[in-house]
Amino acid sequence: MMSITAIIIDDERLARKELTSLLAQHKKIEIIDEAANADEALIKIHEKRPNLIFLDIQMPGKTGFDLLEELDYVPDVIFTTAYDEYAIKAFEVNALDYLLKPIPFQRFLEAANKMEATQANGDGGIKDKLE
């Protein structure tokens, strides 16, 4: 099976580093880039077209939800946030999962396994659900 490509989008460097170390333990998901804000992420997603994004919600300027609305190509999304109050909205836009920071390893594994199953089934992408 080919690897799943991912971009980590979070304004906090330590949060990106934590997620990178979790992903290092999961060989099927390959981090191809990182972004510190929605505008940077928009460009990188357009250029690299990852299968998956790990997306923070609260970022300076635009939120993760704002970013999703601007994308033409929308990969699968796993939200990573310190706030639980956005969970319902996240699933309304058909997020694959919603991880609360700090992310426990077991919970991360559940999300990664869900992503693998989605890719194996040929599902993926949430753009049609945003409209």
Foldseek 3Di string as FASTA:
>chain_A
DAAFEEEEEALDPVQVVLVVVLVVVPVRYHYPYYHNDLVRVQVVCVVPVTQEYAAEADHPPHGSVVSLVPHPWFHAYEYEYQDPPCVVVCCQLPHLYYAHPPGDSVNVVVSVVSSVVCVVVVHTTRNVSVD
